[in-house]
Amino acid sequence: AVLGTFEDTVGTLGRYHGHTGTRDAVLTIQ
């Protein structure tokens, strides 16, 4: 549950701020 929320937060904030390099961070959490 915690890892899922971290994944969601990283992806959401990355898209909001226009970052394209969050995929690796999301994959790490996955």
PDB file of all heavy atoms in Angstrom:
ATOM      1  N   ALA A   1       0.834  -1.203   0.000  1.00  0.00           N
ATOM      2  CA  ALA A   1       0.000   0.000   0.000  1.00  0.00           C
ATOM      3  C   ALA A   1       0.866   1.249   0.000  1.00  0.00           C
ATOM      4  O   ALA A   1       0.626   2.202  -0.748  1.00  0.00           O
ATOM      5  CB  ALA A   1      -0.930  -0.003   1.209  1.00  0.00           C
ATOM      6  N   VAL A   2       1.904   1.255   0.846  1.00  0.00           N
ATOM      7  CA  VAL A   2       2.791   2.417   0.922  1.00  0.00           C
ATOM      8  C   VAL A   2       3.569   2.585  -0.381  1.00  0.00           C
ATOM      9  O   VAL A   2       3.690   3.691  -0.923  1.00  0.00           O
ATOM     10  CB  VAL A   2       3.751   2.282   2.117  1.00  0.00           C
ATOM     11  CG1 VAL A   2       4.852   3.331   2.052  1.00  0.00           C
ATOM     12  CG2 VAL A   2       2.979   2.409   3.422  1.00  0.00           C
ATOM     13  N   LEU A   3       4.105   1.496  -0.909  1.00  0.00           N
ATOM     14  CA  LEU A   3       4.856   1.587  -2.161  1.00  0.00           C
ATOM     15  C   LEU A   3       3.955   2.038  -3.309  1.00  0.00           C
ATOM     16  O   LEU A   3       4.387   2.791  -4.193  1.00  0.00           O
ATOM     17  CB  LEU A   3       5.500   0.235  -2.483  1.00  0.00           C
ATOM     18  CG  LEU A   3       6.662  -0.165  -1.570  1.00  0.00           C
ATOM     19  CD1 LEU A   3       7.094  -1.597  -1.849  1.00  0.00           C
ATOM     20  CD2 LEU A   3       7.845   0.783  -1.750  1.00  0.00           C
ATOM     21  N   GLY A   4       2.706   1.594  -3.313  1.00  0.00           N
ATOM     22  CA  GLY A   4       1.774   2.037  -4.339  1.00  0.00           C
ATOM     23  C   GLY A   4       1.512   3.532  -4.283  1.00  0.00           C
ATOM     24  O   GLY A   4       1.445   4.214  -5.312  1.00  0.00           O
ATOM     25  N   THR A   5       1.389   4.065  -3.063  1.00  0.00           N
ATOM     26  CA  THR A   5       1.163   5.505  -2.934  1.00  0.00           C
ATOM     27  C   THR A   5       2.406   6.293  -3.347  1.00  0.00           C
ATOM     28  O   THR A   5       2.294   7.367  -3.935  1.00  0.00           O
ATOM     29  CB  THR A   5       0.792   5.887  -1.491  1.00  0.00           C
ATOM     30  OG1 THR A   5       1.832   5.490  -0.599  1.00  0.00           O
ATOM     31  CG2 THR A   5      -0.487   5.225  -1.063  1.00  0.00           C
ATOM     32  N   PHE A   6       3.602   5.767  -3.035  1.00  0.00           N
ATOM     33  CA  PHE A   6       4.821   6.442  -3.476  1.00  0.00           C
ATOM     34  C   PHE A   6       4.897   6.457  -5.003  1.00  0.00           C
ATOM     35  O   PHE A   6       5.277   7.456  -5.616  1.00  0.00           O
ATOM     36  CB  PHE A   6       6.051   5.737  -2.905  1.00  0.00           C
ATOM     37  CG  PHE A   6       6.275   5.987  -1.437  1.00  0.00           C
ATOM     38  CD1 PHE A   6       7.271   5.316  -0.755  1.00  0.00           C
ATOM     39  CD2 PHE A   6       5.488   6.878  -0.735  1.00  0.00           C
ATOM     40  CE1 PHE A   6       7.484   5.536   0.603  1.00  0.00           C
ATOM     41  CE2 PHE A   6       5.678   7.106   0.621  1.00  0.00           C
ATOM     42  CZ  PHE A   6       6.684   6.437   1.286  1.00  0.00           C
ATOM     43  N   GLU A   7       4.560   5.334  -5.611  1.00  0.00           N
ATOM     44  CA  GLU A   7       4.571   5.254  -7.074  1.00  0.00           C
ATOM     45  C   GLU A   7       3.623   6.289  -7.672  1.00  0.00           C
ATOM     46  O   GLU A   7       3.970   6.999  -8.630  1.00  0.00           O
ATOM     47  CB  GLU A   7       4.163   3.842  -7.507  1.00  0.00           C
ATOM     48  CG  GLU A   7       4.104   3.655  -9.010  1.00  0.00           C
ATOM     49  CD  GLU A   7       3.557   2.290  -9.395  1.00  0.00           C
ATOM     50  OE1 GLU A   7       3.618   1.354  -8.566  1.00  0.00           O
ATOM     51  OE2 GLU A   7       3.062   2.168 -10.530  1.00  0.00           O
ATOM     52  N   ASP A   8       2.430   6.377  -7.116  1.00  0.00           N
ATOM     53  CA  ASP A   8       1.437   7.325  -7.607  1.00  0.00           C
ATOM     54  C   ASP A   8       1.909   8.768  -7.426  1.00  0.00           C
ATOM     55  O   ASP A   8       1.761   9.611  -8.317  1.00  0.00           O
ATOM     56  CB  ASP A   8       0.120   7.104  -6.866  1.00  0.00           C
ATOM     57  CG  ASP A   8      -1.047   7.806  -7.528  1.00  0.00           C
ATOM     58  OD1 ASP A   8      -0.952   8.143  -8.723  1.00  0.00           O
ATOM     59  OD2 ASP A   8      -2.068   8.016  -6.863  1.00  0.00           O
ATOM     60  N   THR A   9       2.497   9.061  -6.263  1.00  0.00           N
ATOM     61  CA  THR A   9       2.939  10.424  -5.980  1.00  0.00           C
ATOM     62  C   THR A   9       4.081  10.842  -6.892  1.00  0.00           C
ATOM     63  O   THR A   9       4.089  11.963  -7.424  1.00  0.00           O
ATOM     64  CB  THR A   9       3.372  10.546  -4.508  1.00  0.00           C
ATOM     65  OG1 THR A   9       2.292  10.135  -3.666  1.00  0.00           O
ATOM     66  CG2 THR A   9       3.738  11.982  -4.166  1.00  0.00           C
ATOM     67  N   VAL A  10       5.069   9.965  -7.089  1.00  0.00           N
ATOM     68  CA  VAL A  10       6.191  10.277  -7.971  1.00  0.00           C
ATOM     69  C   VAL A  10       5.697  10.548  -9.393  1.00  0.00           C
ATOM     70  O   VAL A  10       6.098  11.526 -10.035  1.00  0.00           O
ATOM     71  CB  VAL A  10       7.224   9.136  -7.962  1.00  0.00           C
ATOM     72  CG1 VAL A  10       8.253   9.331  -9.084  1.00  0.00           C
ATOM     73  CG2 VAL A  10       7.941   9.070  -6.626  1.00  0.00           C
ATOM     74  N   GLY A  11       4.805   9.685  -9.878  1.00  0.00           N
ATOM     75  CA  GLY A  11       4.276   9.868 -11.225  1.00  0.00           C
ATOM     76  C   GLY A  11       3.454  11.144 -11.353  1.00  0.00           C
ATOM     77  O   GLY A  11       3.594  11.894 -12.326  1.00  0.00           O
ATOM     78  N   THR A  12       2.609  11.415 -10.351  1.00  0.00           N
ATOM     79  CA  THR A  12       1.745  12.595 -10.397  1.00  0.00           C
ATOM     80  C   THR A  12       2.559  13.884 -10.370  1.00  0.00           C
ATOM     81  O   THR A  12       2.343  14.790 -11.188  1.00  0.00           O
ATOM     82  CB  THR A  12       0.753  12.577  -9.226  1.00  0.00           C
ATOM     83  OG1 THR A  12      -0.082  11.426  -9.320  1.00  0.00           O
ATOM     84  CG2 THR A  12      -0.124  13.823  -9.228  1.00  0.00           C
ATOM     85  N   LEU A  13       3.488  13.988  -9.427  1.00  0.00           N
ATOM     86  CA  LEU A  13       4.292  15.207  -9.325  1.00  0.00           C
ATOM     87  C   LEU A  13       5.217  15.357 -10.526  1.00  0.00           C
ATOM     88  O   LEU A  13       5.493  16.477 -10.974  1.00  0.00           O
ATOM     89  CB  LEU A  13       5.090  15.203  -8.023  1.00  0.00           C
ATOM     90  CG  LEU A  13       4.261  15.301  -6.747  1.00  0.00           C
ATOM     91  CD1 LEU A  13       5.167  15.283  -5.514  1.00  0.00           C
ATOM     92  CD2 LEU A  13       3.403  16.556  -6.745  1.00  0.00           C
ATOM     93  N   GLY A  14       5.712  14.243 -11.047  1.00  0.00           N
ATOM     94  CA  GLY A  14       6.555  14.317 -12.238  1.00  0.00           C
ATOM     95  C   GLY A  14       5.799  14.897 -13.424  1.00  0.00           C
ATOM     96  O   GLY A  14       6.293  15.781 -14.127  1.00  0.00           O
ATOM     97  N   ARG A  15       4.570  14.419 -13.639  1.00  0.00           N
ATOM     98  CA  ARG A  15       3.761  14.938 -14.748  1.00  0.00           C
ATOM     99  C   ARG A  15       3.388  16.390 -14.520  1.00  0.00           C
ATOM    100  O   ARG A  15       3.403  17.204 -15.445  1.00  0.00           O
ATOM    101  CB  ARG A  15       2.501  14.083 -14.928  1.00  0.00           C
ATOM    102  CG  ARG A  15       2.767  12.681 -15.483  1.00  0.00           C
ATOM    103  CD  ARG A  15       1.469  11.966 -15.816  1.00  0.00           C
ATOM    104  NE  ARG A  15       0.669  11.722 -14.630  1.00  0.00           N
ATOM    105  CZ  ARG A  15       0.795  10.643 -13.850  1.00  0.00           C
ATOM    106  NH1 ARG A  15       1.709   9.726 -14.127  1.00  0.00           N
ATOM    107  NH2 ARG A  15       0.017  10.477 -12.795  1.00  0.00           N
ATOM    108  N   TYR A  16       3.066  16.738 -13.283  1.00  0.00           N
ATOM    109  CA  TYR A  16       2.649  18.106 -12.979  1.00  0.00           C
ATOM    110  C   TYR A  16       3.773  19.103 -13.261  1.00  0.00           C
ATOM    111  O   TYR A  16       3.544  20.174 -13.814  1.00  0.00           O
ATOM    112  CB  TYR A  16       2.212  18.201 -11.516  1.00  0.00           C
ATOM    113  CG  TYR A  16       1.837  19.602 -11.091  1.00  0.00           C
ATOM    114  CD1 TYR A  16       0.581  20.120 -11.401  1.00  0.00           C
ATOM    115  CD2 TYR A  16       2.729  20.407 -10.397  1.00  0.00           C
ATOM    116  CE1 TYR A  16       0.225  21.410 -11.030  1.00  0.00           C
ATOM    117  CE2 TYR A  16       2.387  21.700 -10.019  1.00  0.00           C
ATOM    118  CZ  TYR A  16       1.137  22.192 -10.336  1.00  0.00           C
ATOM    119  OH  TYR A  16       0.795  23.464  -9.974  1.00  0.00           O
ATOM    120  N   HIS A  17       4.994  18.743 -12.867  1.00  0.00           N
ATOM    121  CA  HIS A  17       6.133  19.648 -13.058  1.00  0.00           C
ATOM    122  C   HIS A  17       6.802  19.487 -14.420  1.00  0.00           C
ATOM    123  O   HIS A  17       7.801  20.148 -14.703  1.00  0.00           O
ATOM    124  CB  HIS A  17       7.163  19.430 -11.950  1.00  0.00           C
ATOM    125  CG  HIS A  17       6.687  19.888 -10.595  1.00  0.00           C
ATOM    126  ND1 HIS A  17       6.528  21.213 -10.267  1.00  0.00           N
ATOM    127  CD2 HIS A  17       6.317  19.189  -9.493  1.00  0.00           C
ATOM    128  CE1 HIS A  17       6.095  21.324  -9.029  1.00  0.00           C
ATOM    129  NE2 HIS A  17       5.957  20.108  -8.536  1.00  0.00           N
ATOM    130  N   GLY A  18       6.275  18.602 -15.251  1.00  0.00           N
ATOM    131  CA  GLY A  18       6.801  18.459 -16.593  1.00  0.00           C
ATOM    132  C   GLY A  18       8.098  17.698 -16.695  1.00  0.00           C
ATOM    133  O   GLY A  18       8.830  17.817 -17.688  1.00  0.00           O
ATOM    134  N   HIS A  19       8.409  16.878 -15.693  1.00  0.00           N
ATOM    135  CA  HIS A  19       9.633  16.086 -15.733  1.00  0.00           C
ATOM    136  C   HIS A  19       9.420  14.818 -16.554  1.00  0.00           C
ATOM    137  O   HIS A  19       8.381  14.167 -16.450  1.00  0.00           O
ATOM    138  CB  HIS A  19      10.089  15.706 -14.319  1.00  0.00           C
ATOM    139  CG  HIS A  19      10.459  16.891 -13.479  1.00  0.00           C
ATOM    140  ND1 HIS A  19      11.327  17.855 -13.899  1.00  0.00           N
ATOM    141  CD2 HIS A  19      10.067  17.248 -12.230  1.00  0.00           C
ATOM    142  CE1 HIS A  19      11.468  18.770 -12.951  1.00  0.00           C
ATOM    143  NE2 HIS A  19      10.705  18.428 -11.920  1.00  0.00           N
ATOM    144  N   THR A  20      10.405  14.471 -17.343  1.00  0.00           N
ATOM    145  CA  THR A  20      10.316  13.243 -18.141  1.00  0.00           C
ATOM    146  C   THR A  20      11.189  12.134 -17.568  1.00  0.00           C
ATOM    147  O   THR A  20      11.168  11.021 -18.076  1.00  0.00           O
ATOM    148  CB  THR A  20      10.747  13.532 -19.593  1.00  0.00           C
ATOM    149  OG1 THR A  20      12.091  14.050 -19.592  1.00  0.00           O
ATOM    150  CG2 THR A  20       9.816  14.547 -20.243  1.00  0.00           C
ATOM    151  N   GLY A  21      11.936  12.441 -16.512  1.00  0.00           N
ATOM    152  CA  GLY A  21      12.874  11.458 -15.980  1.00  0.00           C
ATOM    153  C   GLY A  21      12.382  10.719 -14.761  1.00  0.00           C
ATOM    154  O   GLY A  21      13.194  10.197 -13.995  1.00  0.00           O
ATOM    155  N   THR A  22      11.072  10.696 -14.549  1.00  0.00           N
ATOM    156  CA  THR A  22      10.536  10.010 -13.360  1.00  0.00           C
ATOM    157  C   THR A  22      10.300   8.529 -13.594  1.00  0.00           C
ATOM    158  O   THR A  22      10.010   7.806 -12.653  1.00  0.00           O
ATOM    159  CB  THR A  22       9.218  10.663 -12.914  1.00  0.00           C
ATOM    160  OG1 THR A  22       8.288  10.616 -14.006  1.00  0.00           O
ATOM    161  CG2 THR A  22       9.433  12.107 -12.500  1.00  0.00           C
ATOM    162  N   ARG A  23      10.403   8.078 -14.844  1.00  0.00           N
ATOM    163  CA  ARG A  23      10.114   6.678 -15.137  1.00  0.00           C
ATOM    164  C   ARG A  23      11.037   5.746 -14.360  1.00  0.00           C
ATOM    165  O   ARG A  23      10.590   4.729 -13.819  1.00  0.00           O
ATOM    166  CB  ARG A  23      10.252   6.413 -16.637  1.00  0.00           C
ATOM    167  CG  ARG A  23      10.049   4.946 -17.012  1.00  0.00           C
ATOM    168  CD  ARG A  23      10.010   4.736 -18.509  1.00  0.00           C
ATOM    169  NE  ARG A  23      10.025   3.321 -18.840  1.00  0.00           N
ATOM    170  CZ  ARG A  23       8.984   2.519 -18.736  1.00  0.00           C
ATOM    171  NH1 ARG A  23       7.826   2.987 -18.291  1.00  0.00           N
ATOM    172  NH2 ARG A  23       9.058   1.249 -19.069  1.00  0.00           N
ATOM    173  N   ASP A  24      12.326   6.088 -14.287  1.00  0.00           N
ATOM    174  CA  ASP A  24      13.264   5.230 -13.562  1.00  0.00           C
ATOM    175  C   ASP A  24      12.911   5.161 -12.081  1.00  0.00           C
ATOM    176  O   ASP A  24      13.019   4.102 -11.455  1.00  0.00           O
ATOM    177  CB  ASP A  24      14.699   5.749 -13.735  1.00  0.00           C
ATOM    178  CG  ASP A  24      15.232   5.504 -15.147  1.00  0.00           C
ATOM    179  OD1 ASP A  24      14.642   4.676 -15.863  1.00  0.00           O
ATOM    180  OD2 ASP A  24      16.219   6.159 -15.515  1.00  0.00           O
ATOM    181  N   ALA A  25      12.487   6.306 -11.515  1.00  0.00           N
ATOM    182  CA  ALA A  25      12.102   6.322 -10.102  1.00  0.00           C
ATOM    183  C   ALA A  25      10.870   5.448  -9.872  1.00  0.00           C
ATOM    184  O   ALA A  25      10.796   4.697  -8.893  1.00  0.00           O
ATOM    185  CB  ALA A  25      11.831   7.755  -9.650  1.00  0.00           C
ATOM    186  N   VAL A  26       9.902   5.530 -10.781  1.00  0.00           N
ATOM    187  CA  VAL A  26       8.694   4.708 -10.665  1.00  0.00           C
ATOM    188  C   VAL A  26       9.046   3.233 -10.791  1.00  0.00           C
ATOM    189  O   VAL A  26       8.545   2.386 -10.039  1.00  0.00           O
ATOM    190  CB  VAL A  26       7.661   5.115 -11.730  1.00  0.00           C
ATOM    191  CG1 VAL A  26       6.517   4.111 -11.776  1.00  0.00           C
ATOM    192  CG2 VAL A  26       7.124   6.507 -11.439  1.00  0.00           C
ATOM    193  N   LEU A  27       9.924   2.895 -11.735  1.00  0.00           N
ATOM    194  CA  LEU A  27      10.331   1.503 -11.910  1.00  0.00           C
ATOM    195  C   LEU A  27      11.035   0.971 -10.666  1.00  0.00           C
ATOM    196  O   LEU A  27      10.867  -0.188 -10.288  1.00  0.00           O
ATOM    197  CB  LEU A  27      11.246   1.373 -13.129  1.00  0.00           C
ATOM    198  CG  LEU A  27      10.554   1.462 -14.498  1.00  0.00           C
ATOM    199  CD1 LEU A  27      11.589   1.460 -15.617  1.00  0.00           C
ATOM    200  CD2 LEU A  27       9.579   0.306 -14.683  1.00  0.00           C
ATOM    201  N   THR A  28      11.832   1.819 -10.022  1.00  0.00           N
ATOM    202  CA  THR A  28      12.507   1.406  -8.784  1.00  0.00           C
ATOM    203  C   THR A  28      11.490   1.028  -7.717  1.00  0.00           C
ATOM    204  O   THR A  28      11.630   0.010  -7.020  1.00  0.00           O
ATOM    205  CB  THR A  28      13.417   2.529  -8.272  1.00  0.00           C
ATOM    206  OG1 THR A  28      14.447   2.771  -9.235  1.00  0.00           O
ATOM    207  CG2 THR A  28      14.061   2.150  -6.944  1.00  0.00           C
ATOM    208  N   ILE A  29      10.454   1.835  -7.578  1.00  0.00           N
ATOM    209  CA  ILE A  29       9.404   1.544  -6.599  1.00  0.00           C
ATOM    210  C   ILE A  29       8.665   0.265  -6.970  1.00  0.00           C
ATOM    211  O   ILE A  29       8.348  -0.570  -6.110  1.00  0.00           O
ATOM    212  CB  ILE A  29       8.424   2.724  -6.500  1.00  0.00           C
ATOM    213  CG1 ILE A  29       9.163   3.978  -6.016  1.00  0.00           C
ATOM    214  CG2 ILE A  29       7.281   2.397  -5.541  1.00  0.00           C
ATOM    215  CD1 ILE A  29       8.335   5.245  -6.080  1.00  0.00           C
ATOM    216  N   GLN A  30       8.391   0.088  -8.263  1.00  0.00           N
ATOM    217  CA  GLN A  30       7.703  -1.124  -8.700  1.00  0.00           C
ATOM    218  C   GLN A  30       8.538  -2.370  -8.415  1.00  0.00           C
ATOM    219  O   GLN A  30       8.005  -3.413  -8.027  1.00  0.00           O
ATOM    220  CB  GLN A  30       7.376  -1.015 -10.191  1.00  0.00           C
ATOM    221  CG  GLN A  30       6.310   0.010 -10.503  1.00  0.00           C
ATOM    222  CD  GLN A  30       6.105   0.216 -11.994  1.00  0.00           C
ATOM    223  OE1 GLN A  30       6.981  -0.119 -12.796  1.00  0.00           O
ATOM    224  NE2 GLN A  30       4.963   0.764 -12.378  1.00  0.00           N
TER     225      GLN A  30
END
